[in-house]
PDB file of N, CA and C in Angstrom:
ATOM      1  N   MET A   1       0.791  -1.338  -0.204  1.00  0.00           N
ATOM      2  CA  MET A   1      -0.279  -0.085  -0.175  1.00  0.00           C
ATOM      3  C   MET A   1       1.044   1.215  -0.398  1.00  0.00           C
ATOM      4  N   GLN A   2       1.408   2.668  -0.487  1.00  0.00           N
ATOM      5  CA  GLN A   2       1.576   3.352  -0.721  1.00  0.00           C
ATOM      6  C   GLN A   2       1.345   4.898   0.503  1.00  0.00           C
ATOM      7  N   TYR A   3       2.121   4.974   0.346  1.00  0.00           N
ATOM      8  CA  TYR A   3       2.328   5.771   2.178  1.00  0.00           C
ATOM      9  C   TYR A   3       0.616   6.961   1.639  1.00  0.00           C
ATOM     10  N   ALA A   4       0.783   7.154   1.018  1.00  0.00           N
ATOM     11  CA  ALA A   4      -0.333   8.107   0.820  1.00  0.00           C
ATOM     12  C   ALA A   4      -1.592   7.513   0.867  1.00  0.00           C
ATOM     13  N   ARG A   5      -1.863   6.547   0.272  1.00  0.00           N
ATOM     14  CA  ARG A   5      -2.800   5.527   1.351  1.00  0.00           C
ATOM     15  C   ARG A   5      -3.305   4.936   2.373  1.00  0.00           C
ATOM     16  N   ARG A   6      -2.540   4.608   2.827  1.00  0.00           N
ATOM     17  CA  ARG A   6      -2.187   4.876   4.468  1.00  0.00           C
ATOM     18  C   ARG A   6      -2.346   5.232   5.339  1.00  0.00           C
ATOM     19  N   GLN A   7      -2.179   6.551   4.607  1.00  0.00           N
ATOM     20  CA  GLN A   7      -2.298   7.706   4.905  1.00  0.00           C
ATOM     21  C   GLN A   7      -4.221   7.760   5.364  1.00  0.00           C
ATOM     22  N   TYR A   8      -4.720   7.379   4.362  1.00  0.00           N
ATOM     23  CA  TYR A   8      -6.004   7.690   4.050  1.00  0.00           C
ATOM     24  C   TYR A   8      -6.695   6.351   4.919  1.00  0.00           C
ATOM     25  N   MET A   9      -6.007   5.982   4.860  1.00  0.00           N
ATOM     26  CA  MET A   9      -7.010   4.147   5.315  1.00  0.00           C
ATOM     27  C   MET A   9      -7.110   4.734   6.866  1.00  0.00           C
ATOM     28  N   GLU A  10      -5.546   4.690   7.785  1.00  0.00           N
ATOM     29  CA  GLU A  10      -5.691   5.575   8.820  1.00  0.00           C
ATOM     30  C   GLU A  10      -6.877   6.364   9.444  1.00  0.00           C
ATOM     31  N   GLN A  11      -6.935   7.484   8.038  1.00  0.00           N
ATOM     32  CA  GLN A  11      -7.946   8.883   8.911  1.00  0.00           C
ATOM     33  C   GLN A  11      -9.023   7.998   8.846  1.00  0.00           C
ATOM     34  N   LEU A  12      -9.693   7.392   7.790  1.00  0.00           N
ATOM     35  CA  LEU A  12     -11.301   6.754   7.691  1.00  0.00           C
ATOM     36  C   LEU A  12     -10.858   5.746   8.589  1.00  0.00           C
ATOM     37  N   ILE A  13     -10.547   4.704   9.064  1.00  0.00           N
ATOM     38  CA  ILE A  13     -10.578   3.682  10.361  1.00  0.00           C
ATOM     39  C   ILE A  13     -10.405   4.520  10.886  1.00  0.00           C
ATOM     40  N   HIS A  14      -9.677   5.738  11.458  1.00  0.00           N
ATOM     41  CA  HIS A  14     -10.113   6.606  13.122  1.00  0.00           C
ATOM     42  C   HIS A  14     -11.293   6.813  13.122  1.00  0.00           C
ATOM     43  N   LYS A  15     -12.171   7.222  12.242  1.00  0.00           N
ATOM     44  CA  LYS A  15     -13.576   8.442  11.997  1.00  0.00           C
ATOM     45  C   LYS A  15     -14.733   7.202  11.947  1.00  0.00           C
ATOM     46  N   LYS A  16     -14.439   6.036  11.635  1.00  0.00           N
ATOM     47  CA  LYS A  16     -14.838   4.950  11.078  1.00  0.00           C
ATOM     48  C   LYS A  16     -16.556   5.479  11.776  1.00  0.00           C
ATOM     49  N   ASP A  17     -16.485   5.122  13.221  1.00  0.00           N
ATOM     50  CA  ASP A  17     -18.349   5.083  13.586  1.00  0.00           C
ATOM     51  C   ASP A  17     -18.054   6.267  14.314  1.00  0.00           C
ATOM     52  N   ASN A  18     -17.945   6.984  13.848  1.00  0.00           N
ATOM     53  CA  ASN A  18     -17.901   8.223  14.387  1.00  0.00           C
ATOM     54  C   ASN A  18     -19.586   8.146  14.401  1.00  0.00           C
ATOM     55  N   GLY A  19     -20.052   8.001  13.596  1.00  0.00           N
ATOM     56  CA  GLY A  19     -21.477   8.579  13.382  1.00  0.00           C
ATOM     57  C   GLY A  19     -21.999   9.456  11.680  1.00  0.00           C
ATOM     58  N   ARG A  20     -20.945   9.587  10.960  1.00  0.00           N
ATOM     59  CA  ARG A  20     -21.182  11.096  10.425  1.00  0.00           C
ATOM     60  C   ARG A  20     -20.615   9.898   8.928  1.00  0.00           C
ATOM     61  N   VAL A  21     -21.537  11.401   8.172  1.00  0.00           N
ATOM     62  CA  VAL A  21     -21.121   9.677   6.595  1.00  0.00           C
ATOM     63  C   VAL A  21     -19.462  11.311   6.242  1.00  0.00           C
ATOM     64  N   LYS A  22     -18.717   9.462   5.565  1.00  0.00           N
ATOM     65  CA  LYS A  22     -17.468   9.907   5.010  1.00  0.00           C
ATOM     66  C   LYS A  22     -17.404  10.457   3.325  1.00  0.00           C
ATOM     67  N   VAL A  23     -16.903  11.652   2.950  1.00  0.00           N
ATOM     68  CA  VAL A  23     -17.323  12.129   1.808  1.00  0.00           C
ATOM     69  C   VAL A  23     -15.318  11.580   1.338  1.00  0.00           C
ATOM     70  N   ILE A  24     -14.862  10.980   0.291  1.00  0.00           N
ATOM     71  CA  ILE A  24     -14.032  11.419  -0.396  1.00  0.00           C
ATOM     72  C   ILE A  24     -13.816  12.291  -1.779  1.00  0.00           C
ATOM     73  N   THR A  25     -13.030  12.898  -1.753  1.00  0.00           N
ATOM     74  CA  THR A  25     -12.618  13.907  -2.678  1.00  0.00           C
ATOM     75  C   THR A  25     -11.529  13.777  -3.671  1.00  0.00           C
ATOM     76  N   GLY A  26     -10.733  14.376  -4.513  1.00  0.00           N
ATOM     77  CA  GLY A  26      -9.867  13.477  -4.981  1.00  0.00           C
ATOM     78  C   GLY A  26      -9.816  14.452  -6.175  1.00  0.00           C
ATOM     79  N   LEU A  27      -9.460  14.167  -7.076  1.00  0.00           N
ATOM     80  CA  LEU A  27      -8.950  14.950  -8.608  1.00  0.00           C
ATOM     81  C   LEU A  27      -9.013  13.541  -9.040  1.00  0.00           C
ATOM     82  N   ARG A  28     -10.052  13.430 -10.665  1.00  0.00           N
ATOM     83  CA  ARG A  28     -10.524  12.491 -11.339  1.00  0.00           C
ATOM     84  C   ARG A  28      -9.324  11.876 -11.798  1.00  0.00           C
ATOM     85  N   ARG A  29     -10.134   9.834 -11.881  1.00  0.00           N
ATOM     86  CA  ARG A  29      -8.805   9.387 -11.361  1.00  0.00           C
ATOM     87  C   ARG A  29      -7.255   9.402 -10.441  1.00  0.00           C
ATOM     88  N   SER A  30      -7.895   9.792  -9.832  1.00  0.00           N
ATOM     89  CA  SER A  30      -6.622   9.709  -7.987  1.00  0.00           C
ATOM     90  C   SER A  30      -6.649   8.657  -7.227  1.00  0.00           C
ATOM     91  N   GLY A  31      -7.966   7.274  -7.532  1.00  0.00           N
ATOM     92  CA  GLY A  31      -7.864   6.381  -7.016  1.00  0.00           C
ATOM     93  C   GLY A  31      -8.175   6.677  -5.743  1.00  0.00           C
ATOM     94  N   LYS A  32      -9.888   6.873  -5.732  1.00  0.00           N
ATOM     95  CA  LYS A  32     -10.382   7.348  -4.600  1.00  0.00           C
ATOM     96  C   LYS A  32     -11.364   6.242  -4.627  1.00  0.00           C
ATOM     97  N   SER A  33     -12.153   5.796  -6.100  1.00  0.00           N
ATOM     98  CA  SER A  33     -12.977   4.355  -6.207  1.00  0.00           C
ATOM     99  C   SER A  33     -12.081   3.223  -5.633  1.00  0.00           C
ATOM    100  N   TYR A  34     -10.325   3.051  -6.270  1.00  0.00           N
ATOM    101  CA  TYR A  34      -9.881   2.076  -5.009  1.00  0.00           C
ATOM    102  C   TYR A  34     -10.054   2.437  -4.061  1.00  0.00           C
ATOM    103  N   LEU A  35      -9.635   2.997  -3.199  1.00  0.00           N
ATOM    104  CA  LEU A  35      -9.701   3.340  -2.006  1.00  0.00           C
ATOM    105  C   LEU A  35     -11.001   3.107  -1.441  1.00  0.00           C
ATOM    106  N   LEU A  36     -11.800   3.592  -1.784  1.00  0.00           N
ATOM    107  CA  LEU A  36     -13.688   3.595  -1.290  1.00  0.00           C
ATOM    108  C   LEU A  36     -13.012   1.495  -1.380  1.00  0.00           C
ATOM    109  N   PHE A  37     -12.949   0.938  -2.583  1.00  0.00           N
ATOM    110  CA  PHE A  37     -13.394  -0.648  -3.162  1.00  0.00           C
ATOM    111  C   PHE A  37     -13.156  -1.613  -2.882  1.00  0.00           C
ATOM    112  N   ASN A  38     -12.214  -1.257  -2.804  1.00  0.00           N
ATOM    113  CA  ASN A  38     -10.430  -2.316  -2.986  1.00  0.00           C
ATOM    114  C   ASN A  38     -10.401  -2.248  -1.580  1.00  0.00           C
ATOM    115  N   LEU A  39      -9.681  -0.968  -0.335  1.00  0.00           N
ATOM    116  CA  LEU A  39      -9.071  -0.701   0.262  1.00  0.00           C
ATOM    117  C   LEU A  39      -9.936  -0.672   1.792  1.00  0.00           C
ATOM    118  N   TYR A  40     -10.757  -0.406   1.392  1.00  0.00           N
ATOM    119  CA  TYR A  40     -11.615   0.688   2.924  1.00  0.00           C
ATOM    120  C   TYR A  40     -12.719  -0.832   3.212  1.00  0.00           C
ATOM    121  N   GLN A  41     -12.848  -1.337   1.853  1.00  0.00           N
ATOM    122  CA  GLN A  41     -14.110  -2.657   2.005  1.00  0.00           C
ATOM    123  C   GLN A  41     -12.804  -3.805   2.339  1.00  0.00           C
ATOM    124  N   ASN A  42     -12.369  -3.788   1.356  1.00  0.00           N
ATOM    125  CA  ASN A  42     -10.994  -5.101   2.062  1.00  0.00           C
ATOM    126  C   ASN A  42     -10.902  -4.864   4.352  1.00  0.00           C
ATOM    127  N   TYR A  43     -11.034  -4.210   4.787  1.00  0.00           N
ATOM    128  CA  TYR A  43     -10.292  -3.543   5.526  1.00  0.00           C
ATOM    129  C   TYR A  43     -11.399  -4.162   6.102  1.00  0.00           C
ATOM    130  N   PHE A  44     -12.680  -3.494   5.962  1.00  0.00           N
ATOM    131  CA  PHE A  44     -13.996  -4.222   6.627  1.00  0.00           C
ATOM    132  C   PHE A  44     -14.620  -5.576   5.972  1.00  0.00           C
ATOM    133  N   LEU A  45     -13.935  -6.315   5.966  1.00  0.00           N
ATOM    134  CA  LEU A  45     -13.990  -7.587   5.672  1.00  0.00           C
ATOM    135  C   LEU A  45     -12.953  -8.589   6.198  1.00  0.00           C
ATOM    136  N   GLU A  46     -12.087  -8.098   6.651  1.00  0.00           N
ATOM    137  CA  GLU A  46     -10.796  -8.883   6.660  1.00  0.00           C
ATOM    138  C   GLU A  46     -10.777  -8.242   8.410  1.00  0.00           C
ATOM    139  N   SER A  47     -11.203  -7.502   8.988  1.00  0.00           N
ATOM    140  CA  SER A  47     -11.260  -7.412  10.147  1.00  0.00           C
ATOM    141  C   SER A  47     -12.863  -8.300  10.719  1.00  0.00           C
ATOM    142  N   GLY A  48     -13.178  -8.711  10.169  1.00  0.00           N
ATOM    143  CA  GLY A  48     -14.702  -9.515  10.752  1.00  0.00           C
ATOM    144  C   GLY A  48     -16.013  -9.201  10.220  1.00  0.00           C
ATOM    145  N   VAL A  49     -16.309  -8.003  10.040  1.00  0.00           N
ATOM    146  CA  VAL A  49     -17.693  -7.226   9.305  1.00  0.00           C
ATOM    147  C   VAL A  49     -17.755  -8.633   7.975  1.00  0.00           C
ATOM    148  N   GLY A  50     -19.262  -8.845   8.176  1.00  0.00           N
ATOM    149  CA  GLY A  50     -19.981 -10.366   6.817  1.00  0.00           C
ATOM    150  C   GLY A  50     -19.896  -8.982   6.017  1.00  0.00           C
ATOM    151  N   GLU A  51     -20.018  -9.962   4.730  1.00  0.00           N
ATOM    152  CA  GLU A  51     -20.620  -9.148   3.406  1.00  0.00           C
ATOM    153  C   GLU A  51     -21.322  -9.421   3.405  1.00  0.00           C
ATOM    154  N   ASP A  52     -22.450  -9.295   3.941  1.00  0.00           N
ATOM    155  CA  ASP A  52     -23.610  -8.507   4.189  1.00  0.00           C
ATOM    156  C   ASP A  52     -24.216  -7.445   5.022  1.00  0.00           C
ATOM    157  N   GLN A  53     -22.906  -7.331   5.517  1.00  0.00           N
ATOM    158  CA  GLN A  53     -22.840  -5.612   6.198  1.00  0.00           C
ATOM    159  C   GLN A  53     -22.299  -5.140   5.228  1.00  0.00           C
ATOM    160  N   VAL A  54     -21.416  -4.760   4.169  1.00  0.00           N
ATOM    161  CA  VAL A  54     -20.672  -4.056   3.162  1.00  0.00           C
ATOM    162  C   VAL A  54     -21.528  -3.734   1.831  1.00  0.00           C
ATOM    163  N   ILE A  55     -22.226  -2.925   2.230  1.00  0.00           N
ATOM    164  CA  ILE A  55     -23.420  -2.663   0.624  1.00  0.00           C
ATOM    165  C   ILE A  55     -22.147  -1.340  -0.176  1.00  0.00           C
ATOM    166  N   GLY A  56     -22.190  -2.169  -1.562  1.00  0.00           N
ATOM    167  CA  GLY A  56     -21.443  -1.160  -2.257  1.00  0.00           C
ATOM    168  C   GLY A  56     -22.435  -0.724  -3.480  1.00  0.00           C
ATOM    169  N   LEU A  57     -22.244   0.582  -4.198  1.00  0.00           N
ATOM    170  CA  LEU A  57     -22.848   1.199  -5.688  1.00  0.00           C
ATOM    171  C   LEU A  57     -22.166   1.642  -5.994  1.00  0.00           C
ATOM    172  N   ALA A  58     -21.719   1.677  -7.722  1.00  0.00           N
ATOM    173  CA  ALA A  58     -21.358   2.241  -8.071  1.00  0.00           C
ATOM    174  C   ALA A  58     -22.192   3.364  -8.772  1.00  0.00           C
ATOM    175  N   LEU A  59     -22.193   4.515  -8.929  1.00  0.00           N
ATOM    176  CA  LEU A  59     -23.769   4.770  -9.649  1.00  0.00           C
ATOM    177  C   LEU A  59     -23.126   5.344 -10.592  1.00  0.00           C
ATOM    178  N   ASP A  60     -22.064   5.631 -11.169  1.00  0.00           N
ATOM    179  CA  ASP A  60     -21.582   5.754 -12.750  1.00  0.00           C
ATOM    180  C   ASP A  60     -21.510   4.446 -13.993  1.00  0.00           C
ATOM    181  N   GLU A  61     -21.901   3.376 -13.314  1.00  0.00           N
ATOM    182  CA  GLU A  61     -22.058   1.771 -13.898  1.00  0.00           C
ATOM    183  C   GLU A  61     -23.437   2.064 -14.691  1.00  0.00           C
ATOM    184  N   ILE A  62     -23.681   1.720 -15.859  1.00  0.00           N
ATOM    185  CA  ILE A  62     -25.056   1.594 -15.867  1.00  0.00           C
ATOM    186  C   ILE A  62     -26.260   0.933 -15.758  1.00  0.00           C
ATOM    187  N   TYR A  63     -26.094  -0.178 -15.078  1.00  0.00           N
ATOM    188  CA  TYR A  63     -26.844  -0.830 -14.341  1.00  0.00           C
ATOM    189  C   TYR A  63     -27.403  -0.865 -12.858  1.00  0.00           C
ATOM    190  N   ASN A  64     -26.455   0.641 -12.510  1.00  0.00           N
ATOM    191  CA  ASN A  64     -26.644   1.474 -10.950  1.00  0.00           C
ATOM    192  C   ASN A  64     -27.881   2.441 -11.095  1.00  0.00           C
ATOM    193  N   ALA A  65     -27.775   2.645 -12.719  1.00  0.00           N
ATOM    194  CA  ALA A  65     -28.136   3.838 -13.243  1.00  0.00           C
ATOM    195  C   ALA A  65     -29.416   4.406 -12.399  1.00  0.00           C
ATOM    196  N   LYS A  66     -30.642   2.863 -12.152  1.00  0.00           N
ATOM    197  CA  LYS A  66     -31.585   3.419 -11.212  1.00  0.00           C
ATOM    198  C   LYS A  66     -32.170   3.748 -10.719  1.00  0.00           C
ATOM    199  N   TYR A  67     -30.124   3.681  -9.656  1.00  0.00           N
ATOM    200  CA  TYR A  67     -30.267   4.557  -8.169  1.00  0.00           C
ATOM    201  C   TYR A  67     -29.742   5.351  -7.677  1.00  0.00           C
ATOM    202  N   ARG A  68     -29.982   6.233  -9.404  1.00  0.00           N
ATOM    203  CA  ARG A  68     -29.566   7.823  -9.109  1.00  0.00           C
ATOM    204  C   ARG A  68     -30.951   8.644  -9.136  1.00  0.00           C
ATOM    205  N   ASN A  69     -31.823   7.844  -8.876  1.00  0.00           N
ATOM    206  CA  ASN A  69     -32.719   8.173  -8.357  1.00  0.00           C
ATOM    207  C   ASN A  69     -33.159   8.361  -7.092  1.00  0.00           C
ATOM    208  N   PRO A  70     -33.026   9.059  -5.435  1.00  0.00           N
ATOM    209  CA  PRO A  70     -32.583   9.166  -4.085  1.00  0.00           C
ATOM    210  C   PRO A  70     -34.324   7.714  -3.512  1.00  0.00           C
ATOM    211  N   PHE A  71     -35.188   7.711  -3.619  1.00  0.00           N
ATOM    212  CA  PHE A  71     -36.199   7.125  -3.506  1.00  0.00           C
ATOM    213  C   PHE A  71     -35.502   5.520  -3.966  1.00  0.00           C
ATOM    214  N   ALA A  72     -35.367   4.963  -5.064  1.00  0.00           N
ATOM    215  CA  ALA A  72     -34.840   3.655  -5.324  1.00  0.00           C
ATOM    216  C   ALA A  72     -33.727   3.419  -4.704  1.00  0.00           C
ATOM    217  N   LEU A  73     -32.747   4.663  -4.491  1.00  0.00           N
ATOM    218  CA  LEU A  73     -31.814   4.450  -3.872  1.00  0.00           C
ATOM    219  C   LEU A  73     -31.701   3.463  -2.592  1.00  0.00           C
ATOM    220  N   ASN A  74     -33.266   4.805  -1.774  1.00  0.00           N
ATOM    221  CA  ASN A  74     -32.817   4.196   0.078  1.00  0.00           C
ATOM    222  C   ASN A  74     -33.598   3.050  -0.426  1.00  0.00           C
ATOM    223  N   LYS A  75     -34.478   2.790  -1.093  1.00  0.00           N
ATOM    224  CA  LYS A  75     -35.193   1.819  -0.953  1.00  0.00           C
ATOM    225  C   LYS A  75     -34.209  -0.089  -1.022  1.00  0.00           C
ATOM    226  N   ALA A  76     -33.143   0.264  -1.933  1.00  0.00           N
ATOM    227  CA  ALA A  76     -32.432  -0.485  -2.373  1.00  0.00           C
ATOM    228  C   ALA A  76     -31.511  -0.410  -1.209  1.00  0.00           C
ATOM    229  N   VAL A  77     -30.935  -0.383   0.094  1.00  0.00           N
ATOM    230  CA  VAL A  77     -30.050  -0.045   0.182  1.00  0.00           C
ATOM    231  C   VAL A  77     -31.158  -0.543   1.740  1.00  0.00           C
ATOM    232  N   LYS A  78     -32.209   0.214   1.955  1.00  0.00           N
ATOM    233  CA  LYS A  78     -32.703  -0.201   2.895  1.00  0.00           C
ATOM    234  C   LYS A  78     -33.308  -1.923   3.105  1.00  0.00           C
ATOM    235  N   GLU A  79     -33.668  -2.569   1.203  1.00  0.00           N
ATOM    236  CA  GLU A  79     -33.496  -4.012   1.620  1.00  0.00           C
ATOM    237  C   GLU A  79     -32.919  -4.907   2.099  1.00  0.00           C
ATOM    238  N   GLN A  80     -31.384  -3.995   1.772  1.00  0.00           N
ATOM    239  CA  GLN A  80     -30.120  -4.864   1.958  1.00  0.00           C
ATOM    240  C   GLN A  80     -29.268  -5.355   2.963  1.00  0.00           C
ATOM    241  N   MET A  81     -30.176  -3.854   4.187  1.00  0.00           N
ATOM    242  CA  MET A  81     -30.046  -3.909   5.557  1.00  0.00           C
ATOM    243  C   MET A  81     -31.455  -5.040   6.227  1.00  0.00           C
ATOM    244  N   THR A  82     -31.597  -6.272   6.404  1.00  0.00           N
ATOM    245  CA  THR A  82     -31.827  -7.508   6.762  1.00  0.00           C
ATOM    246  C   THR A  82     -32.267  -7.496   8.343  1.00  0.00           C
ATOM    247  N   ASP A  83     -31.145  -7.375   9.418  1.00  0.00           N
ATOM    248  CA  ASP A  83     -30.898  -7.259  10.800  1.00  0.00           C
ATOM    249  C   ASP A  83     -30.547  -6.614  11.345  1.00  0.00           C
ATOM    250  N   ASN A  84     -31.658  -5.619  11.918  1.00  0.00           N
ATOM    251  CA  ASN A  84     -31.201  -4.324  13.044  1.00  0.00           C
ATOM    252  C   ASN A  84     -30.591  -4.684  14.308  1.00  0.00           C
ATOM    253  N   SER A  85     -29.558  -5.699  14.241  1.00  0.00           N
ATOM    254  CA  SER A  85     -28.957  -6.062  15.207  1.00  0.00           C
ATOM    255  C   SER A  85     -27.959  -5.974  14.550  1.00  0.00           C
ATOM    256  N   LYS A  86     -27.183  -5.592  13.215  1.00  0.00           N
ATOM    257  CA  LYS A  86     -25.844  -5.459  13.046  1.00  0.00           C
ATOM    258  C   LYS A  86     -26.022  -4.340  12.068  1.00  0.00           C
ATOM    259  N   ARG A  87     -24.294  -3.689  12.332  1.00  0.00           N
ATOM    260  CA  ARG A  87     -24.216  -2.072  11.426  1.00  0.00           C
ATOM    261  C   ARG A  87     -24.046  -2.036  10.519  1.00  0.00           C
ATOM    262  N   TYR A  88     -24.164  -2.012   9.264  1.00  0.00           N
ATOM    263  CA  TYR A  88     -24.231  -1.862   7.614  1.00  0.00           C
ATOM    264  C   TYR A  88     -23.233  -1.012   7.294  1.00  0.00           C
ATOM    265  N   TYR A  89     -22.096  -0.757   6.502  1.00  0.00           N
ATOM    266  CA  TYR A  89     -21.461  -0.125   5.609  1.00  0.00           C
ATOM    267  C   TYR A  89     -21.872   0.083   4.781  1.00  0.00           C
ATOM    268  N   ILE A  90     -21.942   1.414   4.723  1.00  0.00           N
ATOM    269  CA  ILE A  90     -22.734   1.723   2.929  1.00  0.00           C
ATOM    270  C   ILE A  90     -21.666   2.603   2.023  1.00  0.00           C
ATOM    271  N   PHE A  91     -21.459   2.209   0.927  1.00  0.00           N
ATOM    272  CA  PHE A  91     -20.114   2.882   0.019  1.00  0.00           C
ATOM    273  C   PHE A  91     -21.030   2.875  -1.422  1.00  0.00           C
ATOM    274  N   ILE A  92     -21.261   3.865  -1.699  1.00  0.00           N
ATOM    275  CA  ILE A  92     -21.720   5.167  -3.081  1.00  0.00           C
ATOM    276  C   ILE A  92     -20.809   5.706  -3.471  1.00  0.00           C
ATOM    277  N   ASP A  93     -20.441   5.095  -4.994  1.00  0.00           N
ATOM    278  CA  ASP A  93     -20.004   5.715  -5.559  1.00  0.00           C
ATOM    279  C   ASP A  93     -20.084   6.477  -6.306  1.00  0.00           C
ATOM    280  N   GLU A  94     -19.885   8.048  -6.687  1.00  0.00           N
ATOM    281  CA  GLU A  94     -20.439   8.562  -7.164  1.00  0.00           C
ATOM    282  C   GLU A  94     -21.779   9.346  -6.549  1.00  0.00           C
ATOM    283  N   ILE A  95     -21.943   9.642  -5.959  1.00  0.00           N
ATOM    284  CA  ILE A  95     -23.290  10.151  -5.400  1.00  0.00           C
ATOM    285  C   ILE A  95     -23.553  11.222  -5.596  1.00  0.00           C
ATOM    286  N   GLN A  96     -22.719  12.111  -6.608  1.00  0.00           N
ATOM    287  CA  GLN A  96     -23.744  13.280  -7.302  1.00  0.00           C
ATOM    288  C   GLN A  96     -24.382  13.319  -7.969  1.00  0.00           C
ATOM    289  N   PHE A  97     -24.662  11.407  -9.041  1.00  0.00           N
ATOM    290  CA  PHE A  97     -25.593  11.170  -9.769  1.00  0.00           C
ATOM    291  C   PHE A  97     -26.795  11.116  -8.923  1.00  0.00           C
ATOM    292  N   VAL A  98     -26.729  10.839  -7.876  1.00  0.00           N
ATOM    293  CA  VAL A  98     -28.610  11.069  -7.207  1.00  0.00           C
ATOM    294  C   VAL A  98     -29.183  12.695  -7.616  1.00  0.00           C
ATOM    295  N   THR A  99     -30.093  12.674  -7.662  1.00  0.00           N
ATOM    296  CA  THR A  99     -31.276  13.666  -7.532  1.00  0.00           C
ATOM    297  C   THR A  99     -30.994  13.676  -6.519  1.00  0.00           C
ATOM    298  N   GLU A 100     -30.552  15.635  -6.260  1.00  0.00           N
ATOM    299  CA  GLU A 100     -30.841  15.986  -4.601  1.00  0.00           C
ATOM    300  C   GLU A 100     -32.482  16.031  -4.397  1.00  0.00           C
ATOM    301  N   VAL A 101     -32.449  15.666  -3.271  1.00  0.00           N
ATOM    302  CA  VAL A 101     -33.809  16.043  -2.519  1.00  0.00           C
ATOM    303  C   VAL A 101     -33.654  16.920  -0.625  1.00  0.00           C
ATOM    304  N   GLN A 102     -34.199  17.772  -0.203  1.00  0.00           N
ATOM    305  CA  GLN A 102     -33.688  18.227   0.842  1.00  0.00           C
ATOM    306  C   GLN A 102     -34.425  16.956   1.608  1.00  0.00           C
ATOM    307  N   ASN A 103     -33.785  17.415   2.554  1.00  0.00           N
ATOM    308  CA  ASN A 103     -34.037  16.615   3.985  1.00  0.00           C
ATOM    309  C   ASN A 103     -34.461  17.443   4.918  1.00  0.00           C
ATOM    310  N   PRO A 104     -35.833  17.281   5.312  1.00  0.00           N
ATOM    311  CA  PRO A 104     -36.246  17.829   6.718  1.00  0.00           C
ATOM    312  C   PRO A 104     -36.057  18.261   7.601  1.00  0.00           C
ATOM    313  N   TYR A 105     -35.318  16.619   7.696  1.00  0.00           N
ATOM    314  CA  TYR A 105     -34.863  16.346   9.020  1.00  0.00           C
ATOM    315  C   TYR A 105     -33.358  17.132   9.600  1.00  0.00           C
ATOM    316  N   VAL A 106     -33.193  17.517   8.767  1.00  0.00           N
ATOM    317  CA  VAL A 106     -31.584  18.042   8.639  1.00  0.00           C
ATOM    318  C   VAL A 106     -31.722  19.061   8.652  1.00  0.00           C
ATOM    319  N   ASP A 107     -31.090  20.333   9.298  1.00  0.00           N
ATOM    320  CA  ASP A 107     -31.316  21.922   9.630  1.00  0.00           C
ATOM    321  C   ASP A 107     -29.532  22.125   8.376  1.00  0.00           C
ATOM    322  N   ASN A 108     -28.639  21.583   8.837  1.00  0.00           N
ATOM    323  CA  ASN A 108     -27.604  21.804   7.569  1.00  0.00           C
ATOM    324  C   ASN A 108     -26.796  20.472   7.757  1.00  0.00           C
ATOM    325  N   PRO A 109     -26.902  19.826   6.562  1.00  0.00           N
ATOM    326  CA  PRO A 109     -26.560  18.957   6.009  1.00  0.00           C
ATOM    327  C   PRO A 109     -24.771  18.572   6.078  1.00  0.00           C
ATOM    328  N   GLU A 110     -24.170  20.410   5.983  1.00  0.00           N
ATOM    329  CA  GLU A 110     -22.483  19.484   6.069  1.00  0.00           C
ATOM    330  C   GLU A 110     -22.300  19.546   7.260  1.00  0.00           C
ATOM    331  N   GLU A 111     -22.994  19.394   8.394  1.00  0.00           N
ATOM    332  CA  GLU A 111     -22.298  18.901   9.799  1.00  0.00           C
ATOM    333  C   GLU A 111     -22.772  17.698   9.864  1.00  0.00           C
ATOM    334  N   ARG A 112     -22.905  16.897   9.065  1.00  0.00           N
ATOM    335  CA  ARG A 112     -23.494  15.424   9.114  1.00  0.00           C
ATOM    336  C   ARG A 112     -21.776  14.507   8.167  1.00  0.00           C
ATOM    337  N   LYS A 113     -21.039  15.269   7.983  1.00  0.00           N
ATOM    338  CA  LYS A 113     -20.684  14.454   6.753  1.00  0.00           C
ATOM    339  C   LYS A 113     -18.660  14.865   7.055  1.00  0.00           C
ATOM    340  N   THR A 114     -17.338  13.744   7.551  1.00  0.00           N
ATOM    341  CA  THR A 114     -16.384  14.183   7.499  1.00  0.00           C
ATOM    342  C   THR A 114     -15.821  13.612   5.415  1.00  0.00           C
ATOM    343  N   ASN A 115     -15.274  15.192   4.952  1.00  0.00           N
ATOM    344  CA  ASN A 115     -14.097  15.181   3.845  1.00  0.00           C
ATOM    345  C   ASN A 115     -12.864  13.963   4.541  1.00  0.00           C
ATOM    346  N   ILE A 116     -12.875  13.476   3.417  1.00  0.00           N
ATOM    347  CA  ILE A 116     -10.991  13.444   3.997  1.00  0.00           C
ATOM    348  C   ILE A 116     -11.100  13.160   2.166  1.00  0.00           C
ATOM    349  N   HIS A 117      -9.878  14.260   1.778  1.00  0.00           N
ATOM    350  CA  HIS A 117      -9.433  14.724   1.425  1.00  0.00           C
ATOM    351  C   HIS A 117      -8.646  13.404   0.518  1.00  0.00           C
ATOM    352  N   GLU A 118      -8.717  13.211  -0.564  1.00  0.00           N
ATOM    353  CA  GLU A 118      -7.342  12.123  -1.454  1.00  0.00           C
ATOM    354  C   GLU A 118      -6.843  12.963  -2.131  1.00  0.00           C
ATOM    355  N   CYS A 119      -5.661  13.328  -2.481  1.00  0.00           N
ATOM    356  CA  CYS A 119      -4.583  13.990  -3.041  1.00  0.00           C
ATOM    357  C   CYS A 119      -3.625  13.729  -2.871  1.00  0.00           C
ATOM    358  N   GLU A 120      -2.518  13.893  -3.476  1.00  0.00           N
ATOM    359  CA  GLU A 120      -1.078  13.259  -3.415  1.00  0.00           C
ATOM    360  C   GLU A 120      -0.597  15.136  -2.766  1.00  0.00           C
ATOM    361  N   ASN A 121      -1.060  15.817  -3.226  1.00  0.00           N
ATOM    362  CA  ASN A 121       0.371  16.836  -2.270  1.00  0.00           C
ATOM    363  C   ASN A 121      -0.870  18.078  -1.949  1.00  0.00           C
ATOM    364  N   CYS A 122      -1.630  17.598  -1.256  1.00  0.00           N
ATOM    365  CA  CYS A 122      -3.003  18.253  -0.604  1.00  0.00           C
ATOM    366  C   CYS A 122      -2.185  18.360   0.759  1.00  0.00           C
TER     367      CYS A 122
END
C-alpha cells in the first residue's frame, strides 16, 4: 500500500464509527474508487464484518443507473439491511449522480459529514 493510501486509510479507520458520513474527494482518476471499494471495503471484511454488512454501489455504472433516483437508492439499500442488530457500511461511488432531495430533518447537512481529501499534494 502506498504511503498516501495508508494515510487515508488511517483517517477513515480512525473515524469509521463516529456516526458521520465520510466523503472522499480528489482529482479525477486519483484512486478514490480504489480506496473505497478495494482498500476500505477489504479492511471491513478482513476485520470480521460480514459480506452482507458491506453494501456497495457505483452509480456511474449503467446497471446501477436506476439508483440515481434517491427513493430507489434508499429502497435498495434498506432492502439489503435485513438485520437490525447488525451495523451496515454503505459505499456509494459517484453520489453526485443522485437527484438532490432536501431532508426536512437535517437543518445543516454539512454538519453530518467528514471530508477525506484524496490528493497527493494536499
